[in-house]
Amino acid sequence: MAKSSVSPTASPRVPDPDASATPLPALPATYEAALQELEALVARLESGQLPLDQLLTGYQRGAQLLKFCRDRLEAVETQIKVLEGTELKPWTQA
């Protein structure tokens, strides 16, 4: 009887989902551009017309864009806190 090269206690190799994934495009330069891309992406995802692999790529890109937008908003909020002191005051349009 031939010996198997895989031990019975070895765990099976799980493919790395990032290994075959194509890199996502660079982030937009501005919050507004990222938001516009995110809105267009959401519309395509919600259309139900994308193949499964494009859905996954779209979801990943959307998560990347969402993080970018949140980070930008947080940075602006931090700047406002610095300008207003330690207490964040509501913004009123003059």
C-alpha atoms as a PDB file:
ATOM      1  CA  MET A   1       0.000   0.000   0.000  1.00  0.00           C
ATOM      2  CA  ALA A   2       1.392   3.425  -0.957  1.00  0.00           C
ATOM      3  CA  LYS A   3       1.883   6.064   1.677  1.00  0.00           C
ATOM      4  CA  SER A   4       0.005   9.311   1.329  1.00  0.00           C
ATOM      5  CA  SER A   5       2.129  12.450   1.394  1.00  0.00           C
ATOM      6  CA  VAL A   6      -0.569  14.270   3.389  1.00  0.00           C
ATOM      7  CA  SER A   7      -0.885  13.387   7.036  1.00  0.00           C
ATOM      8  CA  PRO A   8      -4.401  12.652   8.288  1.00  0.00           C
ATOM      9  CA  THR A   9      -4.132  15.416  10.898  1.00  0.00           C
ATOM     10  CA  ALA A  10      -2.992  18.118   8.478  1.00  0.00           C
ATOM     11  CA  SER A  11      -5.583  20.749   7.780  1.00  0.00           C
ATOM     12  CA  PRO A  12      -6.564  21.235   4.153  1.00  0.00           C
ATOM     13  CA  ARG A  13      -5.188  24.280   2.371  1.00  0.00           C
ATOM     14  CA  VAL A  14      -7.710  27.024   2.035  1.00  0.00           C
ATOM     15  CA  PRO A  15      -7.164  29.251  -0.978  1.00  0.00           C
ATOM     16  CA  ASP A  16      -6.319  32.838  -0.149  1.00  0.00           C
ATOM     17  CA  PRO A  17      -9.161  34.979  -1.541  1.00  0.00           C
ATOM     18  CA  ASP A  18      -6.768  37.889  -2.059  1.00  0.00           C
ATOM     19  CA  ALA A  19      -4.229  35.835  -3.999  1.00  0.00           C
ATOM     20  CA  SER A  20      -6.224  35.752  -7.244  1.00  0.00           C
ATOM     21  CA  ALA A  21      -7.995  39.063  -6.769  1.00  0.00           C
ATOM     22  CA  THR A  22      -7.046  41.886  -9.037  1.00  0.00           C
ATOM     23  CA  PRO A  23      -5.882  44.976  -7.184  1.00  0.00           C
ATOM     24  CA  LEU A  24      -8.518  47.634  -6.615  1.00  0.00           C
ATOM     25  CA  PRO A  25      -8.037  51.003  -8.314  1.00  0.00           C
ATOM     26  CA  ALA A  26      -6.409  53.837  -6.415  1.00  0.00           C
ATOM     27  CA  LEU A  27      -8.618  55.916  -4.169  1.00  0.00           C
ATOM     28  CA  PRO A  28     -10.055  59.138  -5.582  1.00  0.00           C
ATOM     29  CA  ALA A  29      -8.343  62.401  -4.708  1.00  0.00           C
ATOM     30  CA  THR A  30     -11.369  63.988  -3.067  1.00  0.00           C
ATOM     31  CA  TYR A  31     -14.258  63.088  -0.797  1.00  0.00           C
ATOM     32  CA  GLU A  32     -16.722  64.233  -3.453  1.00  0.00           C
ATOM     33  CA  ALA A  33     -15.195  61.996  -6.135  1.00  0.00           C
ATOM     34  CA  ALA A  34     -15.205  59.014  -3.759  1.00  0.00           C
ATOM     35  CA  LEU A  35     -18.831  59.636  -2.826  1.00  0.00           C
ATOM     36  CA  GLN A  36     -19.849  59.909  -6.483  1.00  0.00           C
ATOM     37  CA  GLU A  37     -18.072  56.632  -7.306  1.00  0.00           C
ATOM     38  CA  LEU A  38     -19.629  54.950  -4.271  1.00  0.00           C
ATOM     39  CA  GLU A  39     -23.139  56.069  -5.265  1.00  0.00           C
ATOM     40  CA  ALA A  40     -22.656  54.764  -8.827  1.00  0.00           C
ATOM     41  CA  LEU A  41     -21.274  51.491  -7.474  1.00  0.00           C
ATOM     42  CA  VAL A  42     -24.230  51.014  -5.118  1.00  0.00           C
ATOM     43  CA  ALA A  43     -26.628  51.562  -8.030  1.00  0.00           C
ATOM     44  CA  ARG A  44     -24.831  48.865 -10.081  1.00  0.00           C
ATOM     45  CA  LEU A  45     -24.782  46.443  -7.141  1.00  0.00           C
ATOM     46  CA  GLU A  46     -28.476  46.993  -6.426  1.00  0.00           C
ATOM     47  CA  SER A  47     -29.405  46.482 -10.082  1.00  0.00           C
ATOM     48  CA  GLY A  48     -28.905  42.729  -9.695  1.00  0.00           C
ATOM     49  CA  GLN A  49     -27.277  42.550 -13.127  1.00  0.00           C
ATOM     50  CA  LEU A  50     -23.669  41.906 -12.075  1.00  0.00           C
ATOM     51  CA  PRO A  51     -22.084  38.437 -12.112  1.00  0.00           C
ATOM     52  CA  LEU A  52     -21.019  37.009  -8.756  1.00  0.00           C
ATOM     53  CA  ASP A  53     -17.299  37.758  -9.162  1.00  0.00           C
ATOM     54  CA  GLN A  54     -18.069  41.387 -10.023  1.00  0.00           C
ATOM     55  CA  LEU A  55     -20.386  41.611  -7.023  1.00  0.00           C
ATOM     56  CA  LEU A  56     -17.535  40.584  -4.744  1.00  0.00           C
ATOM     57  CA  THR A  57     -15.118  43.022  -6.357  1.00  0.00           C
ATOM     58  CA  GLY A  58     -17.740  45.764  -6.185  1.00  0.00           C
ATOM     59  CA  TYR A  59     -18.400  45.052  -2.519  1.00  0.00           C
ATOM     60  CA  GLN A  60     -14.670  45.237  -1.763  1.00  0.00           C
ATOM     61  CA  ARG A  61     -14.324  48.519  -3.658  1.00  0.00           C
ATOM     62  CA  GLY A  62     -17.389  49.897  -1.890  1.00  0.00           C
ATOM     63  CA  ALA A  63     -15.927  49.034   1.499  1.00  0.00           C
ATOM     64  CA  GLN A  64     -12.692  50.759   0.495  1.00  0.00           C
ATOM     65  CA  LEU A  65     -14.547  53.884  -0.675  1.00  0.00           C
ATOM     66  CA  LEU A  66     -16.736  53.941   2.434  1.00  0.00           C
ATOM     67  CA  LYS A  67     -13.672  53.795   4.693  1.00  0.00           C
ATOM     68  CA  PHE A  68     -12.045  56.594   2.683  1.00  0.00           C
ATOM     69  CA  CYS A  69     -15.153  58.800   3.041  1.00  0.00           C
ATOM     70  CA  ARG A  70     -15.498  58.080   6.764  1.00  0.00           C
ATOM     71  CA  ASP A  71     -11.820  58.832   7.341  1.00  0.00           C
ATOM     72  CA  ARG A  72     -12.136  62.138   5.481  1.00  0.00           C
ATOM     73  CA  LEU A  73     -15.227  63.120   7.464  1.00  0.00           C
ATOM     74  CA  GLU A  74     -13.511  62.203  10.728  1.00  0.00           C
ATOM     75  CA  ALA A  75     -10.479  64.296   9.768  1.00  0.00           C
ATOM     76  CA  VAL A  76     -12.695  67.305   9.064  1.00  0.00           C
ATOM     77  CA  GLU A  77     -14.558  66.801  12.352  1.00  0.00           C
ATOM     78  CA  THR A  78     -11.236  66.704  14.190  1.00  0.00           C
ATOM     79  CA  GLN A  79     -10.165  69.947  12.519  1.00  0.00           C
ATOM     80  CA  ILE A  80     -13.448  71.591  13.541  1.00  0.00           C
ATOM     81  CA  LYS A  81     -12.940  70.444  17.135  1.00  0.00           C
ATOM     82  CA  VAL A  82      -9.497  72.036  17.120  1.00  0.00           C
ATOM     83  CA  LEU A  83     -10.883  75.285  15.710  1.00  0.00           C
ATOM     84  CA  GLU A  84     -13.774  75.355  18.196  1.00  0.00           C
ATOM     85  CA  GLY A  85     -11.709  74.218  21.174  1.00  0.00           C
ATOM     86  CA  THR A  86     -12.427  70.924  22.878  1.00  0.00           C
ATOM     87  CA  GLU A  87     -16.206  71.172  22.587  1.00  0.00           C
ATOM     88  CA  LEU A  88     -17.810  70.403  19.230  1.00  0.00           C
ATOM     89  CA  LYS A  89     -20.443  73.021  18.558  1.00  0.00           C
ATOM     90  CA  PRO A  90     -23.189  72.737  15.959  1.00  0.00           C
ATOM     91  CA  TRP A  91     -22.365  74.391  12.682  1.00  0.00           C
ATOM     92  CA  THR A  92     -24.641  77.260  11.685  1.00  0.00           C
ATOM     93  CA  GLN A  93     -24.654  78.823   8.268  1.00  0.00           C
ATOM     94  CA  ALA A  94     -24.170  82.579   8.361  1.00  0.00           C
END
